[in-house]
Amino acid sequence: MNNMSGSLAQYSEIYWGWPIAVYLFLAGLSAGASIVAVLISKKYGKENYYFKAAALIAPLAIVLGLALLVLDLGKPLSFYWILLLYNFDSVMSIGVALLLVYTPFSVIYAVGAFKNEITMLKISLFDVISNLASKLSSLLEILLFILGIGVGAYTGFLLSAAHKIALWNTSALPVLFLVSGLSCAGAFTLLVGVLKDKAKRQNDIAHYLLKFDFFAIIAEFLLIVALFMVVKGASTSGAESVVNALSVNSLGLMFYIGVIGFGMALPIILDLSVLKVHDFKREFAVINALFVICGVFLLRCYIVYAGQIFI
């Protein structure tokens, strides 16, 4: 349907709605958080709020996302058929295989990150897992870094496999989803870390994440431009899809105001102002992180809906 005005409620041909957008957001956040946790661990060690925040966000986000996905199937028990009937020509089957390996590893890594806190609980099972995570820490980090890249890109491949949908059928989409997931994870980690580090003893890590997010947002913007250019040049229908998707309609406003304005332009301005001083105001970092998180979520919603509406 190519009607370019009005609200999203008028479109009846939406098969993948907000639950899928939320799942793609949470999966990307989780994958990005695993990568961010590994990067912080290598650069600043594990005894800081930021590392623990990223390590905890990863399993929580993916478990919530998978639970939402299973419930959205309508028949949740049919999810088990996907686990049993593998088809490695299917992007979804490959994604499920990735998630089956990634999810337990992210949980084990998170338990290891909170080893000292878990020891106080005196629960033998958690003690065993945390000790295992400590012994296999280096191996887990290598695996999670690689799997994080795979899961982050998979969220884009899942959509790009739909060949009939011009806005999705591009190799730029998996890279865009991976980079935006990293940006969101950096912002979420910054948000939790800054709120916990009230004494500002770990400002160097906050500065690192602000720089990380600044460059991730720049890369994200360039990838969005590349995505539209590739789709527009691929076919006549692709060019029409791009023109419609970028028109000033309800989705266009979501893109220009939510994704570009609040999700990219304002965070870049805040990043540049905050990075000038070491002893920055926590409020600026919190607002910056919230803008980035909202922007990435709206990007997922925009891509999911625009792809189906402007075929």
Protein backbone atom coordinates (compact mmCIF):
# COMPACT_ATOMS: atom_id res chain seq x y z
CA MET A 1 0.00 0.00 0.00
CA ASN A 2 1.57 3.28 -1.08
CA ASN A 3 -0.73 5.82 0.54
CA MET A 4 1.66 8.39 1.96
CA SER A 5 -0.43 10.16 4.58
CA GLY A 6 -2.25 9.51 7.81
CA SER A 7 -1.44 7.30 10.77
CA LEU A 8 -0.05 3.78 10.82
CA ALA A 9 -3.44 2.47 11.91
CA GLN A 10 -4.78 2.72 8.33
CA TYR A 11 -2.38 0.07 7.03
CA SER A 12 -3.91 -3.40 7.24
CA GLU A 13 -1.09 -5.20 5.41
CA ILE A 14 1.36 -5.11 8.32
CA TYR A 15 2.36 -8.67 9.12
CA TRP A 16 5.39 -7.82 11.23
CA GLY A 17 4.31 -5.21 13.75
CA TRP A 18 5.73 -3.63 16.88
CA PRO A 19 6.63 -6.94 18.64
CA ILE A 20 9.09 -7.73 15.82
CA ALA A 21 10.52 -4.20 16.00
CA VAL A 22 10.99 -4.59 19.76
CA TYR A 23 12.60 -8.02 19.30
CA LEU A 24 15.03 -6.66 16.70
CA PHE A 25 15.83 -3.78 19.05
CA LEU A 26 16.46 -6.06 22.06
CA ALA A 27 18.51 -8.57 20.06
CA GLY A 28 20.68 -5.77 18.66
CA LEU A 29 21.04 -4.23 22.12
CA SER A 30 22.10 -7.58 23.57
CA ALA A 31 24.65 -8.28 20.84
CA GLY A 32 26.07 -4.78 21.16
CA ALA A 33 26.22 -5.05 24.96
CA SER A 34 28.29 -8.25 24.75
CA ILE A 35 30.79 -6.53 22.45
CA VAL A 36 30.89 -3.40 24.65
CA ALA A 37 31.43 -5.54 27.77
CA VAL A 38 34.40 -7.27 26.16
CA LEU A 39 35.90 -3.94 25.02
CA ILE A 40 35.55 -2.41 28.50
CA SER A 41 36.98 -5.54 30.11
CA LYS A 42 40.07 -5.42 27.91
CA LYS A 43 40.66 -1.69 28.39
CA TYR A 44 39.54 -1.01 31.98
CA GLY A 45 39.13 -4.38 33.67
CA LYS A 46 36.03 -5.89 35.22
CA GLU A 47 35.75 -4.11 38.55
CA ASN A 48 33.68 -1.17 37.38
CA TYR A 49 30.01 -0.32 37.00
CA TYR A 50 30.16 0.00 33.23
CA PHE A 51 31.50 -3.48 32.55
CA LYS A 52 28.98 -5.05 34.89
CA ALA A 53 26.14 -3.05 33.33
CA ALA A 54 27.03 -4.20 29.80
CA ALA A 55 27.54 -7.82 30.91
CA LEU A 56 24.10 -7.84 32.57
CA ILE A 57 22.26 -6.03 29.77
CA ALA A 58 23.32 -8.67 27.21
CA PRO A 59 21.47 -11.72 28.64
CA LEU A 60 18.51 -9.74 29.98
CA ALA A 61 17.83 -8.11 26.60
CA ILE A 62 18.09 -11.32 24.57
CA VAL A 63 15.94 -13.34 26.98
CA LEU A 64 13.24 -10.64 26.94
CA GLY A 65 13.45 -10.42 23.15
CA LEU A 66 13.15 -14.18 22.65
CA ALA A 67 10.23 -14.38 25.08
CA LEU A 68 8.43 -11.65 23.13
CA LEU A 69 9.17 -13.39 19.82
CA VAL A 70 7.82 -16.73 21.05
CA LEU A 71 4.64 -15.10 22.36
CA ASP A 72 4.15 -13.21 19.10
CA LEU A 73 4.05 -16.49 17.16
CA GLY A 74 0.45 -16.91 18.27
CA LYS A 75 1.20 -20.58 18.97
CA PRO A 76 4.25 -20.35 21.25
CA LEU A 77 4.75 -24.13 21.33
CA SER A 78 5.36 -24.10 17.55
CA PHE A 79 8.69 -22.40 18.34
CA TYR A 80 10.05 -25.83 19.22
CA TRP A 81 9.63 -26.94 15.60
CA ILE A 82 12.13 -24.24 14.59
CA LEU A 83 14.58 -25.77 17.07
CA LEU A 84 14.04 -29.31 15.79
CA LEU A 85 13.71 -28.77 12.04
CA TYR A 86 16.86 -26.98 10.97
CA ASN A 87 17.20 -25.64 7.47
CA PHE A 88 20.56 -23.98 7.01
CA ASP A 89 19.36 -22.39 3.78
CA SER A 90 17.01 -20.37 6.00
CA VAL A 91 18.25 -17.17 7.65
CA MET A 92 15.86 -17.79 10.54
CA SER A 93 17.30 -21.27 11.22
CA ILE A 94 20.85 -19.91 11.17
CA GLY A 95 19.76 -17.15 13.54
CA VAL A 96 18.15 -19.64 15.92
CA ALA A 97 21.37 -21.69 15.91
CA LEU A 98 23.37 -18.55 16.73
CA LEU A 99 21.00 -17.60 19.54
CA LEU A 100 21.07 -21.12 21.02
CA VAL A 101 24.84 -20.76 21.46
CA TYR A 102 24.97 -17.04 22.23
CA THR A 103 22.28 -16.86 24.93
CA PRO A 104 23.73 -19.37 27.45
CA PHE A 105 27.24 -17.95 26.94
CA SER A 106 25.97 -14.43 27.66
CA VAL A 107 24.29 -15.71 30.85
CA ILE A 108 27.46 -17.48 32.01
CA TYR A 109 29.54 -14.37 31.29
CA ALA A 110 27.12 -12.18 33.25
CA VAL A 111 27.21 -14.56 36.24
CA GLY A 112 31.00 -14.39 36.12
CA ALA A 113 30.88 -10.58 36.05
CA PHE A 114 29.01 -10.61 39.37
CA LYS A 115 31.11 -13.33 40.98
CA ASN A 116 31.76 -11.37 44.20
CA GLU A 117 28.10 -10.49 44.63
CA ILE A 118 26.96 -14.04 43.84
CA THR A 119 29.38 -15.55 46.36
CA MET A 120 27.49 -13.71 49.10
CA LEU A 121 24.25 -15.48 48.08
CA LYS A 122 25.81 -18.88 48.85
CA ILE A 123 23.94 -20.68 46.07
CA SER A 124 26.08 -23.60 44.92
CA LEU A 125 24.86 -23.65 41.30
CA PHE A 126 25.71 -19.97 40.81
CA ASP A 127 29.09 -20.51 42.47
CA VAL A 128 29.89 -23.30 40.02
CA ILE A 129 28.86 -21.15 37.02
CA SER A 130 30.79 -18.09 38.25
CA ASN A 131 33.94 -20.17 38.83
CA LEU A 132 33.58 -21.69 35.36
CA ALA A 133 33.17 -18.21 33.88
CA SER A 134 36.32 -17.01 35.64
CA LYS A 135 38.39 -19.94 34.39
CA LEU A 136 37.12 -19.60 30.82
CA SER A 137 36.98 -15.80 30.83
CA SER A 138 39.31 -15.22 27.86
CA LEU A 139 37.63 -17.90 25.74
CA LEU A 140 34.17 -16.59 26.63
CA GLU A 141 35.16 -13.07 25.60
CA ILE A 142 36.44 -14.23 22.22
CA LEU A 143 33.30 -16.27 21.60
CA LEU A 144 30.93 -13.52 22.75
CA PHE A 145 32.69 -10.92 20.62
CA ILE A 146 32.32 -13.10 17.52
CA LEU A 147 28.79 -14.25 18.38
CA GLY A 148 27.80 -10.67 19.22
CA ILE A 149 28.78 -9.58 15.71
CA GLY A 150 26.83 -12.54 14.29
CA VAL A 151 23.66 -11.88 16.31
CA GLY A 152 23.81 -8.13 15.66
CA ALA A 153 24.10 -8.64 11.91
CA TYR A 154 21.53 -11.46 11.93
CA THR A 155 18.79 -9.02 12.99
CA GLY A 156 19.36 -7.24 9.69
CA PHE A 157 19.78 -10.42 7.62
CA LEU A 158 16.41 -11.60 8.94
CA LEU A 159 14.74 -8.68 7.16
CA SER A 160 17.01 -8.55 4.11
CA ALA A 161 16.02 -12.14 3.26
CA ALA A 162 12.60 -10.78 2.22
CA HIS A 163 13.53 -10.23 -1.43
CA LYS A 164 10.22 -8.63 -2.41
CA ILE A 165 10.63 -5.76 0.07
CA ALA A 166 12.94 -3.17 -1.47
CA LEU A 167 13.92 -1.33 1.72
CA TRP A 168 14.93 -4.59 3.39
CA ASN A 169 16.59 -6.37 0.49
CA THR A 170 20.02 -4.75 0.78
CA SER A 171 23.37 -5.83 2.20
CA ALA A 172 23.64 -2.48 4.00
CA LEU A 173 20.85 -3.40 6.44
CA PRO A 174 22.73 -6.06 8.50
CA VAL A 175 25.69 -3.68 8.92
CA LEU A 176 23.36 -0.82 9.87
CA PHE A 177 21.61 -2.96 12.48
CA LEU A 178 24.94 -4.14 13.89
CA VAL A 179 26.33 -0.60 14.21
CA SER A 180 23.09 0.84 15.61
CA GLY A 181 22.98 -2.02 18.12
CA LEU A 182 26.51 -1.11 19.23
CA SER A 183 25.48 2.53 19.54
CA CYS A 184 22.44 1.62 21.63
CA ALA A 185 24.46 -0.73 23.83
CA GLY A 186 27.10 1.93 24.43
CA ALA A 187 24.38 4.41 25.40
CA PHE A 188 22.56 1.93 27.66
CA THR A 189 25.82 1.00 29.38
CA LEU A 190 26.67 4.69 29.80
CA LEU A 191 23.22 5.38 31.27
CA VAL A 192 23.44 2.63 33.90
CA GLY A 193 27.10 3.31 34.69
CA VAL A 194 26.67 7.07 35.15
CA LEU A 195 23.63 6.56 37.41
CA LYS A 196 25.59 4.08 39.56
CA ASP A 197 28.88 6.01 39.61
CA LYS A 198 27.58 8.97 41.61
CA ALA A 199 31.06 9.78 42.91
CA LYS A 200 32.32 10.06 39.30
CA ARG A 201 35.31 7.82 40.04
CA GLN A 202 35.03 6.10 36.67
CA ASN A 203 34.66 9.15 34.42
CA ASP A 204 37.38 7.86 32.09
CA ILE A 205 35.13 4.94 31.11
CA ALA A 206 32.19 7.30 30.62
CA HIS A 207 34.35 9.43 28.31
CA TYR A 208 35.37 6.31 26.40
CA LEU A 209 31.72 5.34 25.88
CA LEU A 210 30.77 8.86 24.81
CA LYS A 211 33.52 8.78 22.15
CA PHE A 212 32.49 5.26 21.18
CA ASP A 213 28.89 6.37 20.72
CA PHE A 214 29.89 9.52 18.83
CA PHE A 215 31.72 7.53 16.15
CA ALA A 216 29.01 4.84 16.12
CA ILE A 217 26.34 7.48 15.40
CA ILE A 218 28.42 8.95 12.56
CA ALA A 219 28.83 5.46 11.07
CA GLU A 220 25.12 4.78 11.57
CA PHE A 221 24.15 7.95 9.67
CA LEU A 222 26.47 7.10 6.78
CA LEU A 223 25.03 3.58 6.61
CA ILE A 224 21.47 4.96 6.48
CA VAL A 225 22.49 7.18 3.55
CA ALA A 226 24.16 4.18 1.89
CA LEU A 227 21.06 2.03 2.42
CA PHE A 228 18.77 4.54 0.70
CA MET A 229 21.23 5.09 -2.15
CA VAL A 230 21.64 1.34 -2.79
CA VAL A 231 17.88 0.70 -2.69
CA LYS A 232 17.15 3.71 -4.91
CA GLY A 233 19.69 2.62 -7.52
CA ALA A 234 18.66 -1.04 -7.53
CA SER A 235 15.32 -0.75 -9.32
CA THR A 236 12.43 1.54 -10.22
CA SER A 237 10.31 0.09 -7.44
CA GLY A 238 13.21 0.61 -5.03
CA ALA A 239 13.47 4.26 -6.05
CA GLU A 240 9.72 4.68 -5.46
CA SER A 241 10.01 3.02 -2.05
CA VAL A 242 12.79 5.40 -1.02
CA VAL A 243 10.87 8.49 -2.20
CA ASN A 244 7.75 7.37 -0.34
CA ALA A 245 9.64 6.37 2.81
CA LEU A 246 11.37 9.76 2.95
CA SER A 247 8.20 11.75 2.25
CA VAL A 248 6.68 13.88 5.00
CA ASN A 249 4.14 11.36 6.28
CA SER A 250 3.74 9.77 9.71
CA LEU A 251 6.72 7.49 9.09
CA GLY A 252 8.74 10.30 7.54
CA LEU A 253 8.23 12.41 10.64
CA MET A 254 9.31 9.46 12.79
CA PHE A 255 12.48 9.26 10.71
CA TYR A 256 13.37 12.96 10.50
CA ILE A 257 12.41 13.95 14.04
CA GLY A 258 12.88 10.73 16.00
CA VAL A 259 15.75 8.91 14.25
CA ILE A 260 17.79 11.79 12.79
CA GLY A 261 16.86 14.64 15.15
CA PHE A 262 16.61 13.11 18.60
CA GLY A 263 18.56 9.93 17.87
CA MET A 264 21.58 11.40 16.07
CA ALA A 265 21.82 15.19 15.80
CA LEU A 266 21.15 16.00 19.47
CA PRO A 267 23.42 13.21 20.83
CA ILE A 268 26.26 14.42 18.57
CA ILE A 269 25.84 17.98 19.89
CA LEU A 270 25.72 16.72 23.49
CA ASP A 271 28.73 14.44 22.90
CA LEU A 272 30.82 17.33 21.59
CA SER A 273 29.90 19.56 24.54
CA VAL A 274 30.34 16.86 27.21
CA LEU A 275 33.68 15.59 25.86
CA LYS A 276 35.24 19.03 26.24
CA VAL A 277 35.48 18.64 30.02
CA HIS A 278 36.47 15.65 32.16
CA ASP A 279 34.16 16.53 35.07
CA PHE A 280 30.97 16.65 33.01
CA LYS A 281 27.45 16.89 34.40
CA ARG A 282 25.82 13.50 34.80
CA GLU A 283 22.50 14.90 33.55
CA PHE A 284 23.98 15.58 30.09
CA ALA A 285 25.27 12.03 29.78
CA VAL A 286 21.91 10.61 30.90
CA ILE A 287 19.95 12.75 28.41
CA ASN A 288 22.42 11.86 25.66
CA ALA A 289 22.03 8.13 26.36
CA LEU A 290 18.22 8.31 26.43
CA PHE A 291 18.14 10.14 23.09
CA VAL A 292 20.39 7.51 21.47
CA ILE A 293 18.35 4.58 22.85
CA CYS A 294 15.07 6.12 21.65
CA GLY A 295 16.60 6.91 18.26
CA VAL A 296 17.77 3.34 17.70
CA PHE A 297 14.39 1.94 18.75
CA LEU A 298 12.59 4.31 16.36
CA LEU A 299 15.00 3.28 13.58
CA ARG A 300 13.95 -0.35 14.05
CA CYS A 301 10.26 0.64 14.00
CA TYR A 302 10.77 2.82 10.94
CA ILE A 303 12.57 0.11 8.93
CA VAL A 304 10.05 -2.59 9.90
CA TYR A 305 6.96 -0.52 9.04
CA ALA A 306 8.30 1.45 6.05
CA GLY A 307 9.50 -1.74 4.39
CA GLN A 308 6.04 -3.29 4.51
CA ILE A 309 4.08 -0.15 3.65
CA PHE A 310 6.21 1.14 0.79
CA ILE A 311 6.94 -2.13 -1.06
